[in-house]
Amino acid sequence: MLGTSGVLFPGMPGTTEMMVILLIAVLLFGANKIPKLARSTGEAMGEFQKGREEVEQELEEMRDGGAAEGTDASTVDSAESTETATETET
């Protein structure tokens, strides 16, 4: 079954295949709408990229903030456990 995927999807389409795809696109959308379609697709991809970068930045900030808070919290926890141990001994 793995061997047939190479036959079904041999790689990038060649010149003939690209011409057929372009012809079908012109027939479906019309020659006037293709530049508008390409422009809107590019804008959508740009917006998606911006959104992805914002989410990655927020996640990184959360990780950095969580790591900084985690070290502060562990310092406080160890100080509290030392106090508790000292109170228990006396």
PDB file of N, CA and C in Angstrom:
ATOM      1  N   MET A   1       0.816  -1.179   0.000  1.00  0.00           N
ATOM      2  CA  MET A   1       0.000   0.000   0.000  1.00  0.00           C
ATOM      3  C   MET A   1       0.868   1.254   0.000  1.00  0.00           C
ATOM      4  N   LEU A   2       2.021   1.239   0.641  1.00  0.00           N
ATOM      5  CA  LEU A   2       2.907   2.390   0.654  1.00  0.00           C
ATOM      6  C   LEU A   2       3.459   2.670  -0.729  1.00  0.00           C
ATOM      7  N   GLY A   3       3.665   1.645  -1.526  1.00  0.00           N
ATOM      8  CA  GLY A   3       4.192   1.829  -2.874  1.00  0.00           C
ATOM      9  C   GLY A   3       3.213   2.550  -3.781  1.00  0.00           C
ATOM     10  N   THR A   4       1.917   2.390  -3.562  1.00  0.00           N
ATOM     11  CA  THR A   4       0.934   3.032  -4.439  1.00  0.00           C
ATOM     12  C   THR A   4       0.825   4.522  -4.192  1.00  0.00           C
ATOM     13  N   SER A   5       1.185   4.999  -2.990  1.00  0.00           N
ATOM     14  CA  SER A   5       1.102   6.432  -2.737  1.00  0.00           C
ATOM     15  C   SER A   5       2.099   7.190  -3.600  1.00  0.00           C
ATOM     16  N   GLY A   6       3.223   6.575  -3.934  1.00  0.00           N
ATOM     17  CA  GLY A   6       4.182   7.191  -4.829  1.00  0.00           C
ATOM     18  C   GLY A   6       3.622   7.329  -6.227  1.00  0.00           C
ATOM     19  N   VAL A   7       2.802   6.400  -6.646  1.00  0.00           N
ATOM     20  CA  VAL A   7       2.191   6.451  -7.969  1.00  0.00           C
ATOM     21  C   VAL A   7       1.061   7.471  -7.990  1.00  0.00           C
ATOM     22  N   LEU A   8       0.274   7.523  -6.921  1.00  0.00           N
ATOM     23  CA  LEU A   8      -0.846   8.448  -6.880  1.00  0.00           C
ATOM     24  C   LEU A   8      -0.389   9.891  -6.717  1.00  0.00           C
ATOM     25  N   PHE A   9       0.655  10.114  -5.935  1.00  0.00           N
ATOM     26  CA  PHE A   9       1.181  11.455  -5.678  1.00  0.00           C
ATOM     27  C   PHE A   9       2.683  11.455  -5.970  1.00  0.00           C
ATOM     28  N   PRO A  10       3.060  11.501  -7.236  1.00  0.00           N
ATOM     29  CA  PRO A  10       4.473  11.359  -7.572  1.00  0.00           C
ATOM     30  C   PRO A  10       5.335  12.565  -7.219  1.00  0.00           C
ATOM     31  N   GLY A  11       4.757  13.695  -6.900  1.00  0.00           N
ATOM     32  CA  GLY A  11       5.547  14.870  -6.564  1.00  0.00           C
ATOM     33  C   GLY A  11       4.846  16.127  -7.037  1.00  0.00           C
ATOM     34  N   MET A  12       5.635  17.139  -7.278  1.00  0.00           N
ATOM     35  CA  MET A  12       5.081  18.409  -7.739  1.00  0.00           C
ATOM     36  C   MET A  12       4.535  18.253  -9.159  1.00  0.00           C
ATOM     37  N   PRO A  13       3.406  18.931  -9.434  1.00  0.00           N
ATOM     38  CA  PRO A  13       2.858  18.845 -10.788  1.00  0.00           C
ATOM     39  C   PRO A  13       3.788  19.511 -11.798  1.00  0.00           C
ATOM     40  N   GLY A  14       3.829  18.940 -12.976  1.00  0.00           N
ATOM     41  CA  GLY A  14       4.666  19.473 -14.047  1.00  0.00           C
ATOM     42  C   GLY A  14       3.959  20.597 -14.790  1.00  0.00           C
ATOM     43  N   THR A  15       4.555  21.014 -15.900  1.00  0.00           N
ATOM     44  CA  THR A  15       4.025  22.126 -16.686  1.00  0.00           C
ATOM     45  C   THR A  15       2.640  21.810 -17.234  1.00  0.00           C
ATOM     46  N   THR A  16       2.452  20.620 -17.763  1.00  0.00           N
ATOM     47  CA  THR A  16       1.160  20.247 -18.338  1.00  0.00           C
ATOM     48  C   THR A  16       0.072  20.257 -17.266  1.00  0.00           C
ATOM     49  N   GLU A  17       0.369  19.686 -16.113  1.00  0.00           N
ATOM     50  CA  GLU A  17      -0.616  19.646 -15.040  1.00  0.00           C
ATOM     51  C   GLU A  17      -0.962  21.053 -14.551  1.00  0.00           C
ATOM     52  N   MET A  18       0.036  21.919 -14.454  1.00  0.00           N
ATOM     53  CA  MET A  18      -0.220  23.301 -14.016  1.00  0.00           C
ATOM     54  C   MET A  18      -1.081  24.045 -15.032  1.00  0.00           C
ATOM     55  N   MET A  19      -0.862  23.802 -16.307  1.00  0.00           N
ATOM     56  CA  MET A  19      -1.685  24.444 -17.343  1.00  0.00           C
ATOM     57  C   MET A  19      -3.137  23.977 -17.242  1.00  0.00           C
ATOM     58  N   VAL A  20      -3.332  22.690 -16.996  1.00  0.00           N
ATOM     59  CA  VAL A  20      -4.690  22.158 -16.849  1.00  0.00           C
ATOM     60  C   VAL A  20      -5.362  22.767 -15.617  1.00  0.00           C
ATOM     61  N   ILE A  21      -4.634  22.870 -14.505  1.00  0.00           N
ATOM     62  CA  ILE A  21      -5.181  23.463 -13.288  1.00  0.00           C
ATOM     63  C   ILE A  21      -5.542  24.924 -13.523  1.00  0.00           C
ATOM     64  N   LEU A  22      -4.663  25.667 -14.208  1.00  0.00           N
ATOM     65  CA  LEU A  22      -4.934  27.073 -14.522  1.00  0.00           C
ATOM     66  C   LEU A  22      -6.155  27.209 -15.422  1.00  0.00           C
ATOM     67  N   LEU A  23      -6.281  26.344 -16.412  1.00  0.00           N
ATOM     68  CA  LEU A  23      -7.437  26.381 -17.313  1.00  0.00           C
ATOM     69  C   LEU A  23      -8.730  26.119 -16.547  1.00  0.00           C
ATOM     70  N   ILE A  24      -8.707  25.152 -15.653  1.00  0.00           N
ATOM     71  CA  ILE A  24      -9.899  24.848 -14.844  1.00  0.00           C
ATOM     72  C   ILE A  24     -10.236  26.030 -13.947  1.00  0.00           C
ATOM     73  N   ALA A  25      -9.226  26.678 -13.364  1.00  0.00           N
ATOM     74  CA  ALA A  25      -9.471  27.837 -12.514  1.00  0.00           C
ATOM     75  C   ALA A  25     -10.090  28.977 -13.309  1.00  0.00           C
ATOM     76  N   VAL A  26      -9.601  29.209 -14.524  1.00  0.00           N
ATOM     77  CA  VAL A  26     -10.164  30.270 -15.371  1.00  0.00           C
ATOM     78  C   VAL A  26     -11.603  29.940 -15.726  1.00  0.00           C
ATOM     79  N   LEU A  27     -11.883  28.688 -16.025  1.00  0.00           N
ATOM     80  CA  LEU A  27     -13.257  28.301 -16.369  1.00  0.00           C
ATOM     81  C   LEU A  27     -14.190  28.433 -15.171  1.00  0.00           C
ATOM     82  N   LEU A  28     -13.714  28.082 -13.980  1.00  0.00           N
ATOM     83  CA  LEU A  28     -14.562  28.143 -12.788  1.00  0.00           C
ATOM     84  C   LEU A  28     -14.791  29.581 -12.310  1.00  0.00           C
ATOM     85  N   PHE A  29     -13.743  30.355 -12.229  1.00  0.00           N
ATOM     86  CA  PHE A  29     -13.840  31.674 -11.609  1.00  0.00           C
ATOM     87  C   PHE A  29     -13.899  32.825 -12.599  1.00  0.00           C
ATOM     88  N   GLY A  30     -13.447  32.622 -13.803  1.00  0.00           N
ATOM     89  CA  GLY A  30     -13.396  33.705 -14.774  1.00  0.00           C
ATOM     90  C   GLY A  30     -12.074  34.448 -14.653  1.00  0.00           C
ATOM     91  N   ALA A  31     -11.609  34.987 -15.763  1.00  0.00           N
ATOM     92  CA  ALA A  31     -10.299  35.635 -15.798  1.00  0.00           C
ATOM     93  C   ALA A  31     -10.267  36.896 -14.937  1.00  0.00           C
ATOM     94  N   ASN A  32     -11.399  37.579 -14.776  1.00  0.00           N
ATOM     95  CA  ASN A  32     -11.428  38.828 -14.011  1.00  0.00           C
ATOM     96  C   ASN A  32     -11.343  38.590 -12.503  1.00  0.00           C
ATOM     97  N   LYS A  33     -11.823  37.456 -12.031  1.00  0.00           N
ATOM     98  CA  LYS A  33     -11.887  37.218 -10.583  1.00  0.00           C
ATOM     99  C   LYS A  33     -10.632  36.542 -10.029  1.00  0.00           C
ATOM    100  N   ILE A  34      -9.796  35.989 -10.856  1.00  0.00           N
ATOM    101  CA  ILE A  34      -8.617  35.275 -10.363  1.00  0.00           C
ATOM    102  C   ILE A  34      -7.658  36.209  -9.611  1.00  0.00           C
ATOM    103  N   PRO A  35      -7.335  37.419 -10.112  1.00  0.00           N
ATOM    104  CA  PRO A  35      -6.452  38.297  -9.315  1.00  0.00           C
ATOM    105  C   PRO A  35      -7.064  38.679  -7.967  1.00  0.00           C
ATOM    106  N   LYS A  36      -8.378  38.921  -7.944  1.00  0.00           N
ATOM    107  CA  LYS A  36      -9.045  39.242  -6.676  1.00  0.00           C
ATOM    108  C   LYS A  36      -8.981  38.058  -5.724  1.00  0.00           C
ATOM    109  N   LEU A  37      -9.180  36.872  -6.259  1.00  0.00           N
ATOM    110  CA  LEU A  37      -9.113  35.656  -5.443  1.00  0.00           C
ATOM    111  C   LEU A  37      -7.708  35.456  -4.883  1.00  0.00           C
ATOM    112  N   ALA A  38      -6.690  35.678  -5.715  1.00  0.00           N
ATOM    113  CA  ALA A  38      -5.307  35.534  -5.257  1.00  0.00           C
ATOM    114  C   ALA A  38      -4.976  36.577  -4.200  1.00  0.00           C
ATOM    115  N   ARG A  39      -5.449  37.805  -4.387  1.00  0.00           N
ATOM    116  CA  ARG A  39      -5.180  38.872  -3.423  1.00  0.00           C
ATOM    117  C   ARG A  39      -5.828  38.564  -2.081  1.00  0.00           C
ATOM    118  N   SER A  40      -7.091  38.149  -2.118  1.00  0.00           N
ATOM    119  CA  SER A  40      -7.779  37.850  -0.858  1.00  0.00           C
ATOM    120  C   SER A  40      -7.162  36.639  -0.157  1.00  0.00           C
ATOM    121  N   THR A  41      -6.699  35.673  -0.935  1.00  0.00           N
ATOM    122  CA  THR A  41      -6.026  34.519  -0.341  1.00  0.00           C
ATOM    123  C   THR A  41      -4.732  34.945   0.337  1.00  0.00           C
ATOM    124  N   GLY A  42      -3.973  35.827  -0.314  1.00  0.00           N
ATOM    125  CA  GLY A  42      -2.739  36.332   0.275  1.00  0.00           C
ATOM    126  C   GLY A  42      -2.983  37.116   1.548  1.00  0.00           C
ATOM    127  N   GLU A  43      -4.029  37.949   1.544  1.00  0.00           N
ATOM    128  CA  GLU A  43      -4.366  38.717   2.744  1.00  0.00           C
ATOM    129  C   GLU A  43      -4.778  37.791   3.885  1.00  0.00           C
ATOM    130  N   ALA A  44      -5.553  36.770   3.561  1.00  0.00           N
ATOM    131  CA  ALA A  44      -5.986  35.822   4.591  1.00  0.00           C
ATOM    132  C   ALA A  44      -4.786  35.085   5.178  1.00  0.00           C
ATOM    133  N   MET A  45      -3.845  34.706   4.324  1.00  0.00           N
ATOM    134  CA  MET A  45      -2.648  34.020   4.822  1.00  0.00           C
ATOM    135  C   MET A  45      -1.824  34.953   5.705  1.00  0.00           C
ATOM    136  N   GLY A  46      -1.754  36.237   5.342  1.00  0.00           N
ATOM    137  CA  GLY A  46      -1.032  37.212   6.167  1.00  0.00           C
ATOM    138  C   GLY A  46      -1.678  37.388   7.529  1.00  0.00           C
ATOM    139  N   GLU A  47      -2.994  37.480   7.568  1.00  0.00           N
ATOM    140  CA  GLU A  47      -3.712  37.607   8.838  1.00  0.00           C
ATOM    141  C   GLU A  47      -3.528  36.360   9.695  1.00  0.00           C
ATOM    142  N   PHE A  48      -3.561  35.209   9.056  1.00  0.00           N
ATOM    143  CA  PHE A  48      -3.345  33.965   9.795  1.00  0.00           C
ATOM    144  C   PHE A  48      -1.950  33.950  10.403  1.00  0.00           C
ATOM    145  N   GLN A  49      -0.945  34.383   9.626  1.00  0.00           N
ATOM    146  CA  GLN A  49       0.430  34.414  10.116  1.00  0.00           C
ATOM    147  C   GLN A  49       0.551  35.355  11.313  1.00  0.00           C
ATOM    148  N   LYS A  50      -0.073  36.542  11.242  1.00  0.00           N
ATOM    149  CA  LYS A  50      -0.030  37.495  12.353  1.00  0.00           C
ATOM    150  C   LYS A  50      -0.666  36.893  13.603  1.00  0.00           C
ATOM    151  N   GLY A  51      -1.814  36.262  13.435  1.00  0.00           N
ATOM    152  CA  GLY A  51      -2.500  35.642  14.567  1.00  0.00           C
ATOM    153  C   GLY A  51      -1.676  34.538  15.194  1.00  0.00           C
ATOM    154  N   ARG A  52      -1.031  33.730  14.352  1.00  0.00           N
ATOM    155  CA  ARG A  52      -0.195  32.643  14.860  1.00  0.00           C
ATOM    156  C   ARG A  52       0.986  33.195  15.640  1.00  0.00           C
ATOM    157  N   GLU A  53       1.594  34.256  15.135  1.00  0.00           N
ATOM    158  CA  GLU A  53       2.731  34.856  15.832  1.00  0.00           C
ATOM    159  C   GLU A  53       2.303  35.460  17.174  1.00  0.00           C
ATOM    160  N   GLU A  54       1.114  36.068  17.218  1.00  0.00           N
ATOM    161  CA  GLU A  54       0.616  36.635  18.475  1.00  0.00           C
ATOM    162  C   GLU A  54       0.385  35.541  19.512  1.00  0.00           C
ATOM    163  N   VAL A  55      -0.196  34.437  19.071  1.00  0.00           N
ATOM    164  CA  VAL A  55      -0.461  33.331  19.992  1.00  0.00           C
ATOM    165  C   VAL A  55       0.856  32.748  20.502  1.00  0.00           C
ATOM    166  N   GLU A  56       1.830  32.568  19.601  1.00  0.00           N
ATOM    167  CA  GLU A  56       3.129  32.047  20.029  1.00  0.00           C
ATOM    168  C   GLU A  56       3.790  32.994  21.029  1.00  0.00           C
ATOM    169  N   GLN A  57       3.676  34.301  20.790  1.00  0.00           N
ATOM    170  CA  GLN A  57       4.275  35.280  21.699  1.00  0.00           C
ATOM    171  C   GLN A  57       3.598  35.222  23.067  1.00  0.00           C
ATOM    172  N   GLU A  58       2.267  35.126  23.092  1.00  0.00           N
ATOM    173  CA  GLU A  58       1.544  35.033  24.359  1.00  0.00           C
ATOM    174  C   GLU A  58       1.930  33.770  25.121  1.00  0.00           C
ATOM    175  N   LEU A  59       2.048  32.656  24.399  1.00  0.00           N
ATOM    176  CA  LEU A  59       2.440  31.407  25.054  1.00  0.00           C
ATOM    177  C   LEU A  59       3.847  31.511  25.630  1.00  0.00           C
ATOM    178  N   GLU A  60       4.753  32.157  24.884  1.00  0.00           N
ATOM    179  CA  GLU A  60       6.111  32.319  25.382  1.00  0.00           C
ATOM    180  C   GLU A  60       6.135  33.211  26.621  1.00  0.00           C
ATOM    181  N   GLU A  61       5.322  34.276  26.607  1.00  0.00           N
ATOM    182  CA  GLU A  61       5.237  35.153  27.776  1.00  0.00           C
ATOM    183  C   GLU A  61       4.675  34.406  28.976  1.00  0.00           C
ATOM    184  N   MET A  62       3.678  33.558  28.730  1.00  0.00           N
ATOM    185  CA  MET A  62       3.105  32.777  29.820  1.00  0.00           C
ATOM    186  C   MET A  62       4.136  31.812  30.385  1.00  0.00           C
ATOM    187  N   ARG A  63       4.932  31.175  29.491  1.00  0.00           N
ATOM    188  CA  ARG A  63       5.965  30.260  29.950  1.00  0.00           C
ATOM    189  C   ARG A  63       7.019  30.993  30.762  1.00  0.00           C
ATOM    190  N   ASP A  64       7.459  32.147  30.247  1.00  0.00           N
ATOM    191  CA  ASP A  64       8.471  32.928  30.957  1.00  0.00           C
ATOM    192  C   ASP A  64       7.926  33.442  32.283  1.00  0.00           C
ATOM    193  N   GLY A  65       6.698  33.929  32.288  1.00  0.00           N
ATOM    194  CA  GLY A  65       6.072  34.415  33.517  1.00  0.00           C
ATOM    195  C   GLY A  65       5.851  33.298  34.499  1.00  0.00           C
ATOM    196  N   GLY A  66       5.444  32.127  34.011  1.00  0.00           N
ATOM    197  CA  GLY A  66       5.214  30.984  34.883  1.00  0.00           C
ATOM    198  C   GLY A  66       6.499  30.470  35.479  1.00  0.00           C
ATOM    199  N   ALA A  67       7.571  30.510  34.705  1.00  0.00           N
ATOM    200  CA  ALA A  67       8.863  30.055  35.217  1.00  0.00           C
ATOM    201  C   ALA A  67       9.372  31.008  36.287  1.00  0.00           C
ATOM    202  N   ALA A  68       9.201  32.313  36.065  1.00  0.00           N
ATOM    203  CA  ALA A  68       9.656  33.299  37.052  1.00  0.00           C
ATOM    204  C   ALA A  68       8.822  33.190  38.323  1.00  0.00           C
ATOM    205  N   GLU A  69       7.517  33.028  38.168  1.00  0.00           N
ATOM    206  CA  GLU A  69       6.652  32.881  39.339  1.00  0.00           C
ATOM    207  C   GLU A  69       6.931  31.559  40.040  1.00  0.00           C
ATOM    208  N   GLY A  70       7.255  30.531  39.269  1.00  0.00           N
ATOM    209  CA  GLY A  70       7.527  29.220  39.850  1.00  0.00           C
ATOM    210  C   GLY A  70       8.751  29.252  40.736  1.00  0.00           C
ATOM    211  N   THR A  71       9.791  29.976  40.345  1.00  0.00           N
ATOM    212  CA  THR A  71      10.976  30.054  41.186  1.00  0.00           C
ATOM    213  C   THR A  71      10.695  30.869  42.428  1.00  0.00           C
ATOM    214  N   ASP A  72       9.924  31.935  42.292  1.00  0.00           N
ATOM    215  CA  ASP A  72       9.566  32.724  43.469  1.00  0.00           C
ATOM    216  C   ASP A  72       8.727  31.884  44.430  1.00  0.00           C
ATOM    217  N   ALA A  73       7.792  31.134  43.886  1.00  0.00           N
ATOM    218  CA  ALA A  73       6.914  30.324  44.723  1.00  0.00           C
ATOM    219  C   ALA A  73       7.698  29.217  45.416  1.00  0.00           C
ATOM    220  N   SER A  74       8.659  28.624  44.720  1.00  0.00           N
ATOM    221  CA  SER A  74       9.422  27.554  45.366  1.00  0.00           C
ATOM    222  C   SER A  74      10.291  28.112  46.481  1.00  0.00           C
ATOM    223  N   THR A  75      10.802  29.323  46.316  1.00  0.00           N
ATOM    224  CA  THR A  75      11.579  29.954  47.373  1.00  0.00           C
ATOM    225  C   THR A  75      10.705  30.207  48.585  1.00  0.00           C
ATOM    226  N   VAL A  76       9.488  30.698  48.342  1.00  0.00           N
ATOM    227  CA  VAL A  76       8.560  30.962  49.433  1.00  0.00           C
ATOM    228  C   VAL A  76       8.172  29.658  50.106  1.00  0.00           C
ATOM    229  N   ASP A  77       7.897  28.601  49.297  1.00  0.00           N
ATOM    230  CA  ASP A  77       7.521  27.314  49.863  1.00  0.00           C
ATOM    231  C   ASP A  77       8.626  26.742  50.737  1.00  0.00           C
ATOM    232  N   SER A  78       9.882  26.845  50.292  1.00  0.00           N
ATOM    233  CA  SER A  78      10.967  26.291  51.100  1.00  0.00           C
ATOM    234  C   SER A  78      11.145  27.090  52.386  1.00  0.00           C
ATOM    235  N   ALA A  79      10.929  28.410  52.323  1.00  0.00           N
ATOM    236  CA  ALA A  79      11.024  29.225  53.540  1.00  0.00           C
ATOM    237  C   ALA A  79       9.910  28.860  54.509  1.00  0.00           C
ATOM    238  N   GLU A  80       8.702  28.642  53.982  1.00  0.00           N
ATOM    239  CA  GLU A  80       7.576  28.272  54.850  1.00  0.00           C
ATOM    240  C   GLU A  80       7.803  26.898  55.459  1.00  0.00           C
ATOM    241  N   SER A  81       8.342  25.961  54.694  1.00  0.00           N
ATOM    242  CA  SER A  81       8.574  24.626  55.239  1.00  0.00           C
ATOM    243  C   SER A  81       9.663  24.668  56.307  1.00  0.00           C
ATOM    244  N   THR A  82      10.654  25.556  56.159  1.00  0.00           N
ATOM    245  CA  THR A  82      11.685  25.723  57.181  1.00  0.00           C
ATOM    246  C   THR A  82      11.079  26.277  58.458  1.00  0.00           C
ATOM    247  N   GLU A  83      10.175  27.261  58.310  1.00  0.00           N
ATOM    248  CA  GLU A  83       9.504  27.832  59.482  1.00  0.00           C
ATOM    249  C   GLU A  83       8.675  26.774  60.187  1.00  0.00           C
ATOM    250  N   THR A  84       7.944  25.987  59.406  1.00  0.00           N
ATOM    251  CA  THR A  84       7.091  24.957  59.985  1.00  0.00           C
ATOM    252  C   THR A  84       7.935  23.921  60.706  1.00  0.00           C
ATOM    253  N   ALA A  85       9.040  23.528  60.102  1.00  0.00           N
ATOM    254  CA  ALA A  85       9.915  22.547  60.735  1.00  0.00           C
ATOM    255  C   ALA A  85      10.496  23.097  62.027  1.00  0.00           C
ATOM    256  N   THR A  86      10.855  24.366  62.040  1.00  0.00           N
ATOM    257  CA  THR A  86      11.419  24.993  63.247  1.00  0.00           C
ATOM    258  C   THR A  86      10.371  25.073  64.332  1.00  0.00           C
ATOM    259  N   GLU A  87       9.124  25.423  63.989  1.00  0.00           N
ATOM    260  CA  GLU A  87       8.040  25.510  64.974  1.00  0.00           C
ATOM    261  C   GLU A  87       7.725  24.123  65.540  1.00  0.00           C
ATOM    262  N   THR A  88       7.791  23.087  64.712  1.00  0.00           N
ATOM    263  CA  THR A  88       7.481  21.746  65.150  1.00  0.00           C
ATOM    264  C   THR A  88       8.528  21.256  66.151  1.00  0.00           C
ATOM    265  N   GLU A  89       9.779  21.596  65.909  1.00  0.00           N
ATOM    266  CA  GLU A  89      10.857  21.136  66.779  1.00  0.00           C
ATOM    267  C   GLU A  89      10.781  21.805  68.150  1.00  0.00           C
ATOM    268  N   THR A  90      10.314  23.038  68.232  1.00  0.00           N
ATOM    269  CA  THR A  90      10.301  23.732  69.531  1.00  0.00           C
ATOM    270  C   THR A  90       9.086  23.465  70.323  1.00  0.00           C
TER     271      THR A  90
END
